[in-house]
N, C-alpha and C. Protein backbone atom coordinates (compact mmCIF):
# COMPACT_ATOMS: atom_id res chain seq x y z
N MET A 1 28.79 -10.30 56.60
CA MET A 1 30.19 -10.44 56.92
C MET A 1 30.33 -10.53 58.44
N LYS A 2 31.23 -11.38 58.88
CA LYS A 2 31.49 -11.57 60.31
C LYS A 2 32.85 -10.99 60.66
N ILE A 3 32.95 -10.54 61.90
CA ILE A 3 34.20 -9.96 62.40
C ILE A 3 34.58 -10.65 63.69
N THR A 4 35.86 -10.93 63.82
CA THR A 4 36.38 -11.49 65.07
C THR A 4 36.86 -10.34 65.94
N LYS A 5 36.27 -10.23 67.12
CA LYS A 5 36.64 -9.18 68.06
C LYS A 5 37.92 -9.57 68.80
N LYS A 6 38.50 -8.62 69.52
CA LYS A 6 39.74 -8.86 70.25
C LYS A 6 39.61 -10.01 71.25
N ASN A 7 38.42 -10.15 71.85
CA ASN A 7 38.22 -11.19 72.85
C ASN A 7 37.87 -12.55 72.22
N GLY A 8 37.86 -12.61 70.88
CA GLY A 8 37.59 -13.86 70.20
C GLY A 8 36.14 -14.06 69.77
N ARG A 9 35.25 -13.21 70.27
CA ARG A 9 33.84 -13.31 69.87
C ARG A 9 33.70 -12.97 68.40
N VAL A 10 32.75 -13.62 67.75
CA VAL A 10 32.45 -13.34 66.36
C VAL A 10 31.11 -12.63 66.30
N VAL A 11 31.09 -11.47 65.63
CA VAL A 11 29.87 -10.67 65.52
C VAL A 11 29.63 -10.30 64.07
N VAL A 12 28.43 -9.86 63.78
CA VAL A 12 28.09 -9.40 62.43
C VAL A 12 28.64 -7.99 62.24
N TYR A 13 29.24 -7.75 61.09
CA TYR A 13 29.75 -6.42 60.75
C TYR A 13 28.61 -5.42 60.73
N ASP A 14 28.82 -4.27 61.34
CA ASP A 14 27.82 -3.21 61.40
C ASP A 14 28.44 -1.93 60.88
N ASP A 15 28.11 -1.57 59.64
CA ASP A 15 28.73 -0.38 59.06
C ASP A 15 28.34 0.90 59.78
N GLU A 16 27.22 0.89 60.49
CA GLU A 16 26.81 2.07 61.25
C GLU A 16 27.84 2.41 62.33
N LYS A 17 28.46 1.40 62.90
CA LYS A 17 29.50 1.64 63.90
C LYS A 17 30.70 2.35 63.26
N VAL A 18 31.03 1.96 62.05
CA VAL A 18 32.14 2.60 61.34
C VAL A 18 31.78 4.05 61.01
N VAL A 19 30.56 4.27 60.54
CA VAL A 19 30.11 5.63 60.22
C VAL A 19 30.19 6.51 61.47
N LYS A 20 29.65 6.04 62.57
CA LYS A 20 29.66 6.83 63.81
C LYS A 20 31.09 7.11 64.28
N SER A 21 31.96 6.13 64.17
CA SER A 21 33.35 6.32 64.59
C SER A 21 34.06 7.35 63.71
N ILE A 22 33.79 7.30 62.42
CA ILE A 22 34.37 8.28 61.50
C ILE A 22 33.89 9.69 61.86
N LEU A 23 32.60 9.82 62.10
CA LEU A 23 32.04 11.13 62.42
C LEU A 23 32.58 11.66 63.75
N LYS A 24 32.73 10.80 64.74
CA LYS A 24 33.29 11.22 66.03
C LYS A 24 34.73 11.68 65.86
N ALA A 25 35.50 10.95 65.09
CA ALA A 25 36.89 11.33 64.85
C ALA A 25 36.95 12.65 64.09
N ASN A 26 36.03 12.84 63.16
CA ASN A 26 36.00 14.08 62.40
C ASN A 26 35.69 15.28 63.28
N ILE A 27 34.81 15.10 64.25
CA ILE A 27 34.51 16.17 65.21
C ILE A 27 35.77 16.52 65.99
N ASP A 28 36.51 15.50 66.42
CA ASP A 28 37.75 15.73 67.16
C ASP A 28 38.80 16.42 66.29
N ALA A 29 38.83 16.13 65.01
CA ALA A 29 39.81 16.74 64.10
C ALA A 29 39.55 18.24 63.94
N MET A 30 38.32 18.64 63.98
CA MET A 30 37.86 20.03 63.96
C MET A 30 38.18 20.84 62.72
N THR A 31 39.03 20.39 61.84
CA THR A 31 39.41 21.22 60.70
C THR A 31 38.98 20.63 59.36
N GLU A 32 38.45 19.43 59.35
CA GLU A 32 38.05 18.78 58.10
C GLU A 32 36.54 18.54 58.14
N GLU A 33 35.83 19.09 57.17
CA GLU A 33 34.39 18.90 57.12
C GLU A 33 34.06 17.56 56.47
N LEU A 34 33.19 16.82 57.13
CA LEU A 34 32.82 15.50 56.65
C LEU A 34 31.35 15.28 56.97
N SER A 35 30.53 15.14 55.95
CA SER A 35 29.09 14.94 56.15
C SER A 35 28.81 13.48 56.49
N ARG A 36 27.62 13.24 57.02
CA ARG A 36 27.19 11.87 57.31
C ARG A 36 27.17 11.05 56.02
N LYS A 37 26.72 11.67 54.94
CA LYS A 37 26.65 10.97 53.65
C LYS A 37 28.06 10.54 53.21
N LYS A 38 29.02 11.44 53.34
CA LYS A 38 30.40 11.11 52.96
C LYS A 38 30.97 10.03 53.88
N ALA A 39 30.65 10.11 55.18
CA ALA A 39 31.10 9.08 56.12
C ALA A 39 30.54 7.72 55.73
N GLN A 40 29.29 7.69 55.27
CA GLN A 40 28.67 6.44 54.83
C GLN A 40 29.37 5.90 53.59
N ILE A 41 29.72 6.79 52.67
CA ILE A 41 30.45 6.37 51.46
C ILE A 41 31.80 5.77 51.84
N LEU A 42 32.49 6.41 52.78
CA LEU A 42 33.78 5.89 53.24
C LEU A 42 33.61 4.53 53.92
N ALA A 43 32.58 4.39 54.75
CA ALA A 43 32.32 3.12 55.43
C ALA A 43 32.00 2.03 54.41
N ASP A 44 31.27 2.39 53.36
CA ASP A 44 30.97 1.41 52.30
C ASP A 44 32.26 0.95 51.61
N GLU A 45 33.18 1.87 51.43
CA GLU A 45 34.46 1.50 50.81
C GLU A 45 35.27 0.59 51.72
N VAL A 46 35.23 0.85 53.02
CA VAL A 46 35.89 -0.03 53.99
C VAL A 46 35.33 -1.45 53.84
N PHE A 47 34.01 -1.56 53.81
CA PHE A 47 33.36 -2.86 53.67
C PHE A 47 33.77 -3.55 52.38
N GLN A 48 33.75 -2.81 51.28
CA GLN A 48 34.10 -3.40 49.98
C GLN A 48 35.53 -3.91 49.95
N ARG A 49 36.45 -3.13 50.48
CA ARG A 49 37.86 -3.55 50.48
C ARG A 49 38.09 -4.74 51.40
N LEU A 50 37.45 -4.71 52.56
CA LEU A 50 37.62 -5.83 53.49
C LEU A 50 37.13 -7.13 52.88
N THR A 51 35.96 -7.09 52.27
CA THR A 51 35.40 -8.32 51.71
C THR A 51 36.17 -8.78 50.48
N ALA A 52 36.79 -7.87 49.77
CA ALA A 52 37.56 -8.23 48.57
C ALA A 52 38.95 -8.78 48.92
N GLU A 53 39.50 -8.34 50.05
CA GLU A 53 40.89 -8.66 50.33
C GLU A 53 41.12 -9.62 51.49
N LYS A 54 40.11 -9.85 52.31
CA LYS A 54 40.30 -10.65 53.52
C LYS A 54 39.27 -11.76 53.61
N ASN A 55 39.70 -12.90 54.12
CA ASN A 55 38.78 -14.00 54.40
C ASN A 55 38.32 -13.95 55.85
N ILE A 56 39.25 -13.71 56.74
CA ILE A 56 38.96 -13.59 58.17
C ILE A 56 39.21 -12.13 58.55
N ILE A 57 38.20 -11.49 59.08
CA ILE A 57 38.28 -10.06 59.36
C ILE A 57 38.27 -9.83 60.86
N SER A 58 39.19 -9.01 61.32
CA SER A 58 39.25 -8.68 62.75
C SER A 58 38.92 -7.20 62.94
N THR A 59 38.68 -6.83 64.19
CA THR A 59 38.43 -5.41 64.48
C THR A 59 39.66 -4.58 64.11
N GLU A 60 40.84 -5.16 64.25
CA GLU A 60 42.07 -4.44 63.88
C GLU A 60 42.11 -4.17 62.38
N ASP A 61 41.61 -5.13 61.58
CA ASP A 61 41.53 -4.92 60.14
C ASP A 61 40.61 -3.75 59.81
N VAL A 62 39.46 -3.71 60.45
CA VAL A 62 38.50 -2.63 60.22
C VAL A 62 39.15 -1.29 60.57
N ARG A 63 39.82 -1.25 61.70
CA ARG A 63 40.48 -0.01 62.13
C ARG A 63 41.55 0.42 61.11
N ALA A 64 42.39 -0.52 60.70
CA ALA A 64 43.47 -0.20 59.76
C ALA A 64 42.93 0.26 58.41
N TYR A 65 41.95 -0.44 57.88
CA TYR A 65 41.38 -0.08 56.59
C TYR A 65 40.67 1.27 56.66
N THR A 66 39.96 1.51 57.75
CA THR A 66 39.25 2.78 57.89
C THR A 66 40.24 3.95 57.92
N ALA A 67 41.28 3.83 58.71
CA ALA A 67 42.29 4.90 58.79
C ALA A 67 42.97 5.11 57.43
N ALA A 68 43.29 4.02 56.75
CA ALA A 68 43.94 4.13 55.44
C ALA A 68 43.04 4.83 54.43
N ILE A 69 41.78 4.47 54.42
CA ILE A 69 40.84 5.08 53.47
C ILE A 69 40.63 6.56 53.80
N LEU A 70 40.54 6.89 55.07
CA LEU A 70 40.41 8.31 55.44
C LEU A 70 41.60 9.10 54.91
N ARG A 71 42.79 8.56 55.04
CA ARG A 71 43.99 9.25 54.53
C ARG A 71 43.96 9.37 53.00
N GLU A 72 43.61 8.27 52.34
CA GLU A 72 43.56 8.26 50.87
C GLU A 72 42.57 9.28 50.33
N LYS A 73 41.49 9.49 51.04
CA LYS A 73 40.42 10.38 50.56
C LYS A 73 40.59 11.81 51.04
N GLY A 74 41.72 12.12 51.68
CA GLY A 74 42.01 13.49 52.03
C GLY A 74 41.59 13.93 53.43
N TYR A 75 41.50 12.98 54.35
CA TYR A 75 41.12 13.30 55.73
C TYR A 75 42.19 12.81 56.71
N PRO A 76 43.42 13.31 56.58
CA PRO A 76 44.49 12.80 57.43
C PRO A 76 44.31 13.11 58.93
N LYS A 77 43.77 14.27 59.24
CA LYS A 77 43.57 14.62 60.66
C LYS A 77 42.48 13.76 61.28
N THR A 78 41.44 13.50 60.50
CA THR A 78 40.37 12.62 60.98
C THR A 78 40.92 11.21 61.19
N ALA A 79 41.77 10.75 60.28
CA ALA A 79 42.39 9.43 60.40
C ALA A 79 43.21 9.34 61.68
N LYS A 80 43.97 10.38 61.95
CA LYS A 80 44.81 10.39 63.16
C LYS A 80 43.94 10.33 64.41
N CYS A 81 42.88 11.13 64.46
CA CYS A 81 41.97 11.10 65.61
C CYS A 81 41.29 9.74 65.73
N TYR A 82 40.90 9.17 64.60
CA TYR A 82 40.27 7.84 64.59
C TYR A 82 41.20 6.81 65.22
N GLU A 83 42.45 6.82 64.80
CA GLU A 83 43.41 5.85 65.34
C GLU A 83 43.64 6.05 66.83
N GLU A 84 43.66 7.29 67.26
CA GLU A 84 43.92 7.57 68.67
C GLU A 84 42.81 7.09 69.60
N PHE A 85 41.55 7.28 69.21
CA PHE A 85 40.50 6.87 70.13
C PHE A 85 40.04 5.44 69.93
N LYS A 86 40.51 4.76 68.91
CA LYS A 86 40.11 3.37 68.69
C LYS A 86 41.07 2.39 69.32
N ARG A 87 42.04 2.85 70.06
CA ARG A 87 43.03 1.94 70.67
C ARG A 87 42.47 1.30 71.91
């Protein structure tokens, strides 16, 4: 899967970046425990939804889907921290 970055560059999707971002946001949230394994599961769901629902994927799409999935799965504070540092 390819992603269009804000500057217009097209790069290959890297789920490891999503996993690391989720884990960093979770550390900032401080009150919700989230393992690396669970972060990988969430990142996999982001990938699955993006590929099922979008033809052209942007970094903003990844950010929005990641935050939405974090909220859906019971990590609202992590989602909020994720949105704040991904701007």
